[in-house]
Amino acid sequence: MRRRHHFHIEYAGHSVSATVQTGRTPVVWVLVDGKETGHGTTRGDQPVTLDVELPSDPPVEVAVRATPGPGTPQCVLLADGVEDQVMAPRPF
């Protein structure tokens, strides 16, 4: 059964959101400031890491690592020189 889980974090003045759709082939979408900047799939409960760019001057490269399971999915923002930041789940 497919189910969508939403995550969000504010980082370096930008809004970073992720949606993880669980099911046979989990799908992950990442939005930066409301625009889709990456998506990917994985198998089973394997984590997937998506590289995205924050539109600043100069652009900042970050990554979102999504783990679809087991249990409740979770997302983490990865940036150079900064401790990994867990993205907060959103109820919608």
PDB file of N, CA and C in Angstrom:
ATOM      1  N   MET A   1       0.835  -1.177   0.000  1.00  0.00           N
ATOM      2  CA  MET A   1       0.000   0.000   0.000  1.00  0.00           C
ATOM      3  C   MET A   1       0.883   1.245   0.000  1.00  0.00           C
ATOM      4  N   ARG A   2       0.560   2.183  -0.871  1.00  0.00           N
ATOM      5  CA  ARG A   2       1.339   3.413  -0.961  1.00  0.00           C
ATOM      6  C   ARG A   2       0.849   4.439   0.045  1.00  0.00           C
ATOM      7  N   ARG A   3       1.810   5.158   0.580  1.00  0.00           N
ATOM      8  CA  ARG A   3       1.483   6.235   1.527  1.00  0.00           C
ATOM      9  C   ARG A   3       2.534   7.321   1.378  1.00  0.00           C
ATOM     10  N   ARG A   4       2.124   8.576   1.493  1.00  0.00           N
ATOM     11  CA  ARG A   4       3.066   9.693   1.366  1.00  0.00           C
ATOM     12  C   ARG A   4       3.372  10.297   2.723  1.00  0.00           C
ATOM     13  N   HIS A   5       4.655  10.577   2.926  1.00  0.00           N
ATOM     14  CA  HIS A   5       5.142  11.216   4.149  1.00  0.00           C
ATOM     15  C   HIS A   5       5.877  12.481   3.720  1.00  0.00           C
ATOM     16  N   HIS A   6       5.639  13.586   4.431  1.00  0.00           N
ATOM     17  CA  HIS A   6       6.208  14.875   4.075  1.00  0.00           C
ATOM     18  C   HIS A   6       7.163  15.348   5.168  1.00  0.00           C
ATOM     19  N   PHE A   7       8.255  16.000   4.743  1.00  0.00           N
ATOM     20  CA  PHE A   7       9.284  16.499   5.653  1.00  0.00           C
ATOM     21  C   PHE A   7       9.695  17.900   5.229  1.00  0.00           C
ATOM     22  N   HIS A   8      10.186  18.705   6.194  1.00  0.00           N
ATOM     23  CA  HIS A   8      10.546  20.087   5.882  1.00  0.00           C
ATOM     24  C   HIS A   8      11.653  20.581   6.813  1.00  0.00           C
ATOM     25  N   ILE A   9      12.469  21.504   6.273  1.00  0.00           N
ATOM     26  CA  ILE A   9      13.481  22.184   7.079  1.00  0.00           C
ATOM     27  C   ILE A   9      13.793  23.520   6.404  1.00  0.00           C
ATOM     28  N   GLU A  10      14.120  24.501   7.208  1.00  0.00           N
ATOM     29  CA  GLU A  10      14.625  25.788   6.707  1.00  0.00           C
ATOM     30  C   GLU A  10      16.136  25.738   6.860  1.00  0.00           C
ATOM     31  N   TYR A  11      16.858  26.007   5.764  1.00  0.00           N
ATOM     32  CA  TYR A  11      18.318  25.946   5.818  1.00  0.00           C
ATOM     33  C   TYR A  11      18.898  27.067   4.953  1.00  0.00           C
ATOM     34  N   ALA A  12      19.785  27.851   5.518  1.00  0.00           N
ATOM     35  CA  ALA A  12      20.494  28.928   4.815  1.00  0.00           C
ATOM     36  C   ALA A  12      19.522  29.857   4.083  1.00  0.00           C
ATOM     37  N   GLY A  13      18.379  30.137   4.717  1.00  0.00           N
ATOM     38  CA  GLY A  13      17.409  31.047   4.116  1.00  0.00           C
ATOM     39  C   GLY A  13      16.539  30.430   3.047  1.00  0.00           C
ATOM     40  N   HIS A  14      16.568  29.108   2.921  1.00  0.00           N
ATOM     41  CA  HIS A  14      15.771  28.427   1.897  1.00  0.00           C
ATOM     42  C   HIS A  14      14.889  27.360   2.531  1.00  0.00           C
ATOM     43  N   SER A  15      13.770  27.119   1.899  1.00  0.00           N
ATOM     44  CA  SER A  15      12.825  26.101   2.321  1.00  0.00           C
ATOM     45  C   SER A  15      13.134  24.808   1.568  1.00  0.00           C
ATOM     46  N   VAL A  16      13.413  23.739   2.308  1.00  0.00           N
ATOM     47  CA  VAL A  16      13.706  22.443   1.693  1.00  0.00           C
ATOM     48  C   VAL A  16      12.651  21.449   2.177  1.00  0.00           C
ATOM     49  N   SER A  17      11.909  20.885   1.240  1.00  0.00           N
ATOM     50  CA  SER A  17      10.858  19.923   1.570  1.00  0.00           C
ATOM     51  C   SER A  17      11.111  18.621   0.827  1.00  0.00           C
ATOM     52  N   ALA A  18      10.673  17.524   1.432  1.00  0.00           N
ATOM     53  CA  ALA A  18      10.801  16.217   0.798  1.00  0.00           C
ATOM     54  C   ALA A  18       9.509  15.438   1.005  1.00  0.00           C
ATOM     55  N   THR A  19       9.142  14.676   0.001  1.00  0.00           N
ATOM     56  CA  THR A  19       8.003  13.770   0.090  1.00  0.00           C
ATOM     57  C   THR A  19       8.514  12.372  -0.204  1.00  0.00           C
ATOM     58  N   VAL A  20       8.189  11.431   0.686  1.00  0.00           N
ATOM     59  CA  VAL A  20       8.581  10.030   0.510  1.00  0.00           C
ATOM     60  C   VAL A  20       7.297   9.237   0.319  1.00  0.00           C
ATOM     61  N   GLN A  21       7.176   8.611  -0.846  1.00  0.00           N
ATOM     62  CA  GLN A  21       6.029   7.749  -1.113  1.00  0.00           C
ATOM     63  C   GLN A  21       6.483   6.310  -0.940  1.00  0.00           C
ATOM     64  N   THR A  22       5.939   5.657   0.076  1.00  0.00           N
ATOM     65  CA  THR A  22       6.318   4.273   0.344  1.00  0.00           C
ATOM     66  C   THR A  22       5.514   3.338  -0.551  1.00  0.00           C
ATOM     67  N   GLY A  23       5.912   2.095  -0.584  1.00  0.00           N
ATOM     68  CA  GLY A  23       5.249   1.091  -1.417  1.00  0.00           C
ATOM     69  C   GLY A  23       6.291   0.148  -1.975  1.00  0.00           C
ATOM     70  N   ARG A  24       5.927  -0.582  -3.000  1.00  0.00           N
ATOM     71  CA  ARG A  24       6.844  -1.549  -3.596  1.00  0.00           C
ATOM     72  C   ARG A  24       8.135  -0.880  -4.070  1.00  0.00           C
ATOM     73  N   THR A  25       8.004   0.246  -4.763  1.00  0.00           N
ATOM     74  CA  THR A  25       9.161   1.030  -5.194  1.00  0.00           C
ATOM     75  C   THR A  25       9.022   2.426  -4.601  1.00  0.00           C
ATOM     76  N   PRO A  26       9.677   2.693  -3.468  1.00  0.00           N
ATOM     77  CA  PRO A  26       9.575   4.017  -2.851  1.00  0.00           C
ATOM     78  C   PRO A  26      10.110   5.115  -3.779  1.00  0.00           C
ATOM     79  N   VAL A  27       9.411   6.244  -3.785  1.00  0.00           N
ATOM     80  CA  VAL A  27       9.787   7.399  -4.597  1.00  0.00           C
ATOM     81  C   VAL A  27       9.985   8.585  -3.665  1.00  0.00           C
ATOM     82  N   VAL A  28      11.007   9.397  -3.955  1.00  0.00           N
ATOM     83  CA  VAL A  28      11.312  10.580  -3.137  1.00  0.00           C
ATOM     84  C   VAL A  28      11.383  11.799  -4.052  1.00  0.00           C
ATOM     85  N   TRP A  29      10.701  12.886  -3.651  1.00  0.00           N
ATOM     86  CA  TRP A  29      10.757  14.163  -4.339  1.00  0.00           C
ATOM     87  C   TRP A  29      11.334  15.190  -3.383  1.00  0.00           C
ATOM     88  N   VAL A  30      12.193  16.089  -3.893  1.00  0.00           N
ATOM     89  CA  VAL A  30      12.744  17.173  -3.078  1.00  0.00           C
ATOM     90  C   VAL A  30      12.400  18.499  -3.746  1.00  0.00           C
ATOM     91  N   LEU A  31      11.880  19.426  -2.946  1.00  0.00           N
ATOM     92  CA  LEU A  31      11.565  20.769  -3.415  1.00  0.00           C
ATOM     93  C   LEU A  31      12.414  21.776  -2.652  1.00  0.00           C
ATOM     94  N   VAL A  32      12.935  22.769  -3.370  1.00  0.00           N
ATOM     95  CA  VAL A  32      13.663  23.870  -2.750  1.00  0.00           C
ATOM     96  C   VAL A  32      12.907  25.145  -3.106  1.00  0.00           C
ATOM     97  N   ASP A  33      12.486  25.858  -2.094  1.00  0.00           N
ATOM     98  CA  ASP A  33      11.690  27.076  -2.273  1.00  0.00           C
ATOM     99  C   ASP A  33      10.469  26.813  -3.157  1.00  0.00           C
ATOM    100  N   GLY A  34       9.841  25.647  -2.975  1.00  0.00           N
ATOM    101  CA  GLY A  34       8.614  25.305  -3.685  1.00  0.00           C
ATOM    102  C   GLY A  34       8.785  24.761  -5.085  1.00  0.00           C
ATOM    103  N   LYS A  35      10.016  24.613  -5.559  1.00  0.00           N
ATOM    104  CA  LYS A  35      10.255  24.096  -6.909  1.00  0.00           C
ATOM    105  C   LYS A  35      10.938  22.739  -6.824  1.00  0.00           C
ATOM    106  N   GLU A  36      10.428  21.781  -7.611  1.00  0.00           N
ATOM    107  CA  GLU A  36      11.033  20.449  -7.590  1.00  0.00           C
ATOM    108  C   GLU A  36      12.443  20.523  -8.153  1.00  0.00           C
ATOM    109  N   THR A  37      13.401  20.019  -7.364  1.00  0.00           N
ATOM    110  CA  THR A  37      14.801  20.070  -7.779  1.00  0.00           C
ATOM    111  C   THR A  37      15.431  18.689  -7.876  1.00  0.00           C
ATOM    112  N   GLY A  38      14.696  17.661  -7.463  1.00  0.00           N
ATOM    113  CA  GLY A  38      15.233  16.310  -7.565  1.00  0.00           C
ATOM    114  C   GLY A  38      14.197  15.278  -7.195  1.00  0.00           C
ATOM    115  N   HIS A  39      14.368  14.103  -7.775  1.00  0.00           N
ATOM    116  CA  HIS A  39      13.534  12.961  -7.395  1.00  0.00           C
ATOM    117  C   HIS A  39      14.309  11.685  -7.683  1.00  0.00           C
ATOM    118  N   GLY A  40      13.941  10.635  -6.981  1.00  0.00           N
ATOM    119  CA  GLY A  40      14.617   9.364  -7.175  1.00  0.00           C
ATOM    120  C   GLY A  40      13.804   8.227  -6.593  1.00  0.00           C
ATOM    121  N   THR A  41      14.221   7.024  -6.924  1.00  0.00           N
ATOM    122  CA  THR A  41      13.561   5.821  -6.417  1.00  0.00           C
ATOM    123  C   THR A  41      14.577   4.939  -5.731  1.00  0.00           C
ATOM    124  N   THR A  42      14.071   4.007  -4.959  1.00  0.00           N
ATOM    125  CA  THR A  42      14.926   3.044  -4.281  1.00  0.00           C
ATOM    126  C   THR A  42      14.163   1.738  -4.186  1.00  0.00           C
ATOM    127  N   ARG A  43      14.763   0.727  -3.638  1.00  0.00           N
ATOM    128  CA  ARG A  43      14.104  -0.568  -3.472  1.00  0.00           C
ATOM    129  C   ARG A  43      13.997  -0.899  -2.003  1.00  0.00           C
ATOM    130  N   GLY A  44      12.823  -1.382  -1.623  1.00  0.00           N
ATOM    131  CA  GLY A  44      12.626  -1.806  -0.242  1.00  0.00           C
ATOM    132  C   GLY A  44      12.863  -0.666   0.723  1.00  0.00           C
ATOM    133  N   ASP A  45      13.666  -0.933   1.732  1.00  0.00           N
ATOM    134  CA  ASP A  45      13.952   0.062   2.766  1.00  0.00           C
ATOM    135  C   ASP A  45      15.311   0.723   2.581  1.00  0.00           C
ATOM    136  N   GLN A  46      15.911   0.587   1.397  1.00  0.00           N
ATOM    137  CA  GLN A  46      17.238   1.157   1.151  1.00  0.00           C
ATOM    138  C   GLN A  46      17.171   2.683   1.107  1.00  0.00           C
ATOM    139  N   PRO A  47      18.101   3.372   1.768  1.00  0.00           N
ATOM    140  CA  PRO A  47      18.125   4.840   1.701  1.00  0.00           C
ATOM    141  C   PRO A  47      18.491   5.321   0.302  1.00  0.00           C
ATOM    142  N   VAL A  48      18.039   6.501  -0.036  1.00  0.00           N
ATOM    143  CA  VAL A  48      18.399   7.142  -1.303  1.00  0.00           C
ATOM    144  C   VAL A  48      18.853   8.557  -0.977  1.00  0.00           C
ATOM    145  N   THR A  49      19.941   9.003  -1.610  1.00  0.00           N
ATOM    146  CA  THR A  49      20.467  10.345  -1.389  1.00  0.00           C
ATOM    147  C   THR A  49      20.325  11.145  -2.673  1.00  0.00           C
ATOM    148  N   LEU A  50      19.686  12.310  -2.561  1.00  0.00           N
ATOM    149  CA  LEU A  50      19.470  13.175  -3.714  1.00  0.00           C
ATOM    150  C   LEU A  50      20.264  14.460  -3.533  1.00  0.00           C
ATOM    151  N   ASP A  51      21.113  14.782  -4.506  1.00  0.00           N
ATOM    152  CA  ASP A  51      21.883  16.019  -4.480  1.00  0.00           C
ATOM    153  C   ASP A  51      21.020  17.143  -5.047  1.00  0.00           C
ATOM    154  N   VAL A  52      20.968  18.264  -4.324  1.00  0.00           N
ATOM    155  CA  VAL A  52      20.217  19.429  -4.783  1.00  0.00           C
ATOM    156  C   VAL A  52      21.068  20.675  -4.588  1.00  0.00           C
ATOM    157  N   GLU A  53      20.661  21.753  -5.230  1.00  0.00           N
ATOM    158  CA  GLU A  53      21.402  23.002  -5.161  1.00  0.00           C
ATOM    159  C   GLU A  53      20.488  24.093  -4.630  1.00  0.00           C
ATOM    160  N   LEU A  54      20.964  24.835  -3.635  1.00  0.00           N
ATOM    161  CA  LEU A  54      20.212  25.974  -3.114  1.00  0.00           C
ATOM    162  C   LEU A  54      20.531  27.186  -3.987  1.00  0.00           C
ATOM    163  N   PRO A  55      19.494  27.920  -4.423  1.00  0.00           N
ATOM    164  CA  PRO A  55      19.713  29.036  -5.348  1.00  0.00           C
ATOM    165  C   PRO A  55      20.211  30.299  -4.655  1.00  0.00           C
ATOM    166  N   SER A  56      21.440  30.252  -4.175  1.00  0.00           N
ATOM    167  CA  SER A  56      22.037  31.441  -3.566  1.00  0.00           C
ATOM    168  C   SER A  56      23.194  31.883  -4.454  1.00  0.00           C
ATOM    169  N   ASP A  57      23.887  32.920  -4.049  1.00  0.00           N
ATOM    170  CA  ASP A  57      25.001  33.397  -4.861  1.00  0.00           C
ATOM    171  C   ASP A  57      26.275  33.337  -4.039  1.00  0.00           C
ATOM    172  N   PRO A  58      27.162  32.401  -4.230  1.00  0.00           N
ATOM    173  CA  PRO A  58      27.112  31.300  -5.201  1.00  0.00           C
ATOM    174  C   PRO A  58      26.169  30.193  -4.732  1.00  0.00           C
ATOM    175  N   PRO A  59      25.719  29.329  -5.658  1.00  0.00           N
ATOM    176  CA  PRO A  59      24.838  28.215  -5.286  1.00  0.00           C
ATOM    177  C   PRO A  59      25.499  27.302  -4.249  1.00  0.00           C
ATOM    178  N   VAL A  60      24.678  26.780  -3.342  1.00  0.00           N
ATOM    179  CA  VAL A  60      25.158  25.890  -2.288  1.00  0.00           C
ATOM    180  C   VAL A  60      24.639  24.489  -2.565  1.00  0.00           C
ATOM    181  N   GLU A  61      25.565  23.530  -2.627  1.00  0.00           N
ATOM    182  CA  GLU A  61      25.165  22.151  -2.859  1.00  0.00           C
ATOM    183  C   GLU A  61      24.919  21.453  -1.528  1.00  0.00           C
ATOM    184  N   VAL A  62      23.750  20.809  -1.422  1.00  0.00           N
ATOM    185  CA  VAL A  62      23.388  20.014  -0.258  1.00  0.00           C
ATOM    186  C   VAL A  62      22.797  18.714  -0.772  1.00  0.00           C
ATOM    187  N   ALA A  63      22.493  17.811   0.131  1.00  0.00           N
ATOM    188  CA  ALA A  63      21.864  16.546  -0.244  1.00  0.00           C
ATOM    189  C   ALA A  63      20.785  16.216   0.781  1.00  0.00           C
ATOM    190  N   VAL A  64      19.798  15.472   0.328  1.00  0.00           N
ATOM    191  CA  VAL A  64      18.753  14.975   1.208  1.00  0.00           C
ATOM    192  C   VAL A  64      18.818  13.459   1.159  1.00  0.00           C
ATOM    193  N   ARG A  65      19.001  12.836   2.326  1.00  0.00           N
ATOM    194  CA  ARG A  65      19.011  11.369   2.408  1.00  0.00           C
ATOM    195  C   ARG A  65      17.671  10.928   2.988  1.00  0.00           C
ATOM    196  N   ALA A  66      16.935  10.158   2.202  1.00  0.00           N
ATOM    197  CA  ALA A  66      15.625   9.659   2.635  1.00  0.00           C
ATOM    198  C   ALA A  66      15.725   8.169   2.890  1.00  0.00           C
ATOM    199  N   THR A  67      15.202   7.744   4.036  1.00  0.00           N
ATOM    200  CA  THR A  67      15.154   6.332   4.400  1.00  0.00           C
ATOM    201  C   THR A  67      13.684   5.948   4.511  1.00  0.00           C
ATOM    202  N   PRO A  68      13.155   5.154   3.550  1.00  0.00           N
ATOM    203  CA  PRO A  68      11.731   4.832   3.550  1.00  0.00           C
ATOM    204  C   PRO A  68      11.285   3.907   4.672  1.00  0.00           C
ATOM    205  N   GLY A  69      12.162   3.190   5.288  1.00  0.00           N
ATOM    206  CA  GLY A  69      11.756   2.267   6.349  1.00  0.00           C
ATOM    207  C   GLY A  69      12.982   1.584   6.918  1.00  0.00           C
ATOM    208  N   PRO A  70      12.819   0.587   7.722  1.00  0.00           N
ATOM    209  CA  PRO A  70      11.549   0.026   8.179  1.00  0.00           C
ATOM    210  C   PRO A  70      10.844   0.985   9.134  1.00  0.00           C
ATOM    211  N   GLY A  71       9.554   0.815   9.227  1.00  0.00           N
ATOM    212  CA  GLY A  71       8.761   1.703  10.073  1.00  0.00           C
ATOM    213  C   GLY A  71       8.499   3.015   9.376  1.00  0.00           C
ATOM    214  N   THR A  72       8.497   4.091  10.140  1.00  0.00           N
ATOM    215  CA  THR A  72       8.208   5.421   9.610  1.00  0.00           C
ATOM    216  C   THR A  72       9.424   5.958   8.854  1.00  0.00           C
ATOM    217  N   PRO A  73       9.226   6.500   7.650  1.00  0.00           N
ATOM    218  CA  PRO A  73      10.345   7.083   6.899  1.00  0.00           C
ATOM    219  C   PRO A  73      10.956   8.271   7.640  1.00  0.00           C
ATOM    220  N   GLN A  74      12.180   8.614   7.258  1.00  0.00           N
ATOM    221  CA  GLN A  74      12.816   9.811   7.789  1.00  0.00           C
ATOM    222  C   GLN A  74      13.704  10.422   6.731  1.00  0.00           C
ATOM    223  N   CYS A  75      13.925  11.741   6.839  1.00  0.00           N
ATOM    224  CA  CYS A  75      14.786  12.466   5.906  1.00  0.00           C
ATOM    225  C   CYS A  75      15.792  13.294   6.696  1.00  0.00           C
ATOM    226  N   VAL A  76      16.995  13.394   6.133  1.00  0.00           N
ATOM    227  CA  VAL A  76      18.079  14.138   6.767  1.00  0.00           C
ATOM    228  C   VAL A  76      18.716  15.037   5.715  1.00  0.00           C
ATOM    229  N   LEU A  77      18.961  16.300   6.080  1.00  0.00           N
ATOM    230  CA  LEU A  77      19.659  17.239   5.208  1.00  0.00           C
ATOM    231  C   LEU A  77      21.152  17.109   5.470  1.00  0.00           C
ATOM    232  N   LEU A  78      21.932  16.939   4.412  1.00  0.00           N
ATOM    233  CA  LEU A  78      23.386  16.799   4.517  1.00  0.00           C
ATOM    234  C   LEU A  78      24.048  17.992   3.837  1.00  0.00           C
ATOM    235  N   ALA A  79      24.911  18.700   4.563  1.00  0.00           N
ATOM    236  CA  ALA A  79      25.628  19.845   4.011  1.00  0.00           C
ATOM    237  C   ALA A  79      27.066  19.802   4.507  1.00  0.00           C
ATOM    238  N   ASP A  80      27.980  20.243   3.663  1.00  0.00           N
ATOM    239  CA  ASP A  80      29.399  20.256   4.035  1.00  0.00           C
ATOM    240  C   ASP A  80      29.642  21.157   5.235  1.00  0.00           C
ATOM    241  N   GLY A  81      30.417  20.660   6.191  1.00  0.00           N
ATOM    242  CA  GLY A  81      30.815  21.446   7.337  1.00  0.00           C
ATOM    243  C   GLY A  81      29.743  21.662   8.388  1.00  0.00           C
ATOM    244  N   VAL A  82      28.600  20.995   8.238  1.00  0.00           N
ATOM    245  CA  VAL A  82      27.497  21.156   9.176  1.00  0.00           C
ATOM    246  C   VAL A  82      27.031  19.765   9.601  1.00  0.00           C
ATOM    247  N   GLU A  83      26.668  19.642  10.864  1.00  0.00           N
ATOM    248  CA  GLU A  83      26.132  18.375  11.360  1.00  0.00           C
ATOM    249  C   GLU A  83      24.848  18.032  10.603  1.00  0.00           C
ATOM    250  N   ASP A  84      24.632  16.734  10.326  1.00  0.00           N
ATOM    251  CA  ASP A  84      23.417  16.285   9.651  1.00  0.00           C
ATOM    252  C   ASP A  84      22.199  16.807  10.396  1.00  0.00           C
ATOM    253  N   GLN A  85      21.209  17.304   9.648  1.00  0.00           N
ATOM    254  CA  GLN A  85      20.031  17.895  10.264  1.00  0.00           C
ATOM    255  C   GLN A  85      18.792  17.088   9.893  1.00  0.00           C
ATOM    256  N   VAL A  86      18.113  16.570  10.911  1.00  0.00           N
ATOM    257  CA  VAL A  86      16.902  15.785  10.691  1.00  0.00           C
ATOM    258  C   VAL A  86      15.793  16.720  10.252  1.00  0.00           C
ATOM    259  N   MET A  87      15.114  16.361   9.180  1.00  0.00           N
ATOM    260  CA  MET A  87      14.003  17.153   8.670  1.00  0.00           C
ATOM    261  C   MET A  87      12.733  16.790   9.444  1.00  0.00           C
ATOM    262  N   ALA A  88      11.984  17.793   9.863  1.00  0.00           N
ATOM    263  CA  ALA A  88      10.779  17.575  10.652  1.00  0.00           C
ATOM    264  C   ALA A  88       9.649  17.014   9.790  1.00  0.00           C
ATOM    265  N   PRO A  89       8.934  16.005  10.313  1.00  0.00           N
ATOM    266  CA  PRO A  89       7.773  15.495   9.578  1.00  0.00           C
ATOM    267  C   PRO A  89       6.654  16.541   9.565  1.00  0.00           C
ATOM    268  N   ARG A  90       5.883  16.557   8.472  1.00  0.00           N
ATOM    269  CA  ARG A  90       4.747  17.464   8.345  1.00  0.00           C
ATOM    270  C   ARG A  90       3.486  16.618   8.210  1.00  0.00           C
ATOM    271  N   PRO A  91       2.410  17.027   8.848  1.00  0.00           N
ATOM    272  CA  PRO A  91       1.199  16.193   8.896  1.00  0.00           C
ATOM    273  C   PRO A  91       0.336  16.194   7.647  1.00  0.00           C
ATOM    274  N   PHE A  92       0.661  16.923   6.585  1.00  0.00           N
ATOM    275  CA  PHE A  92      -0.234  16.949   5.430  1.00  0.00           C
ATOM    276  C   PHE A  92       0.234  16.067   4.313  1.00  0.00           C
TER     277      PHE A  92
END
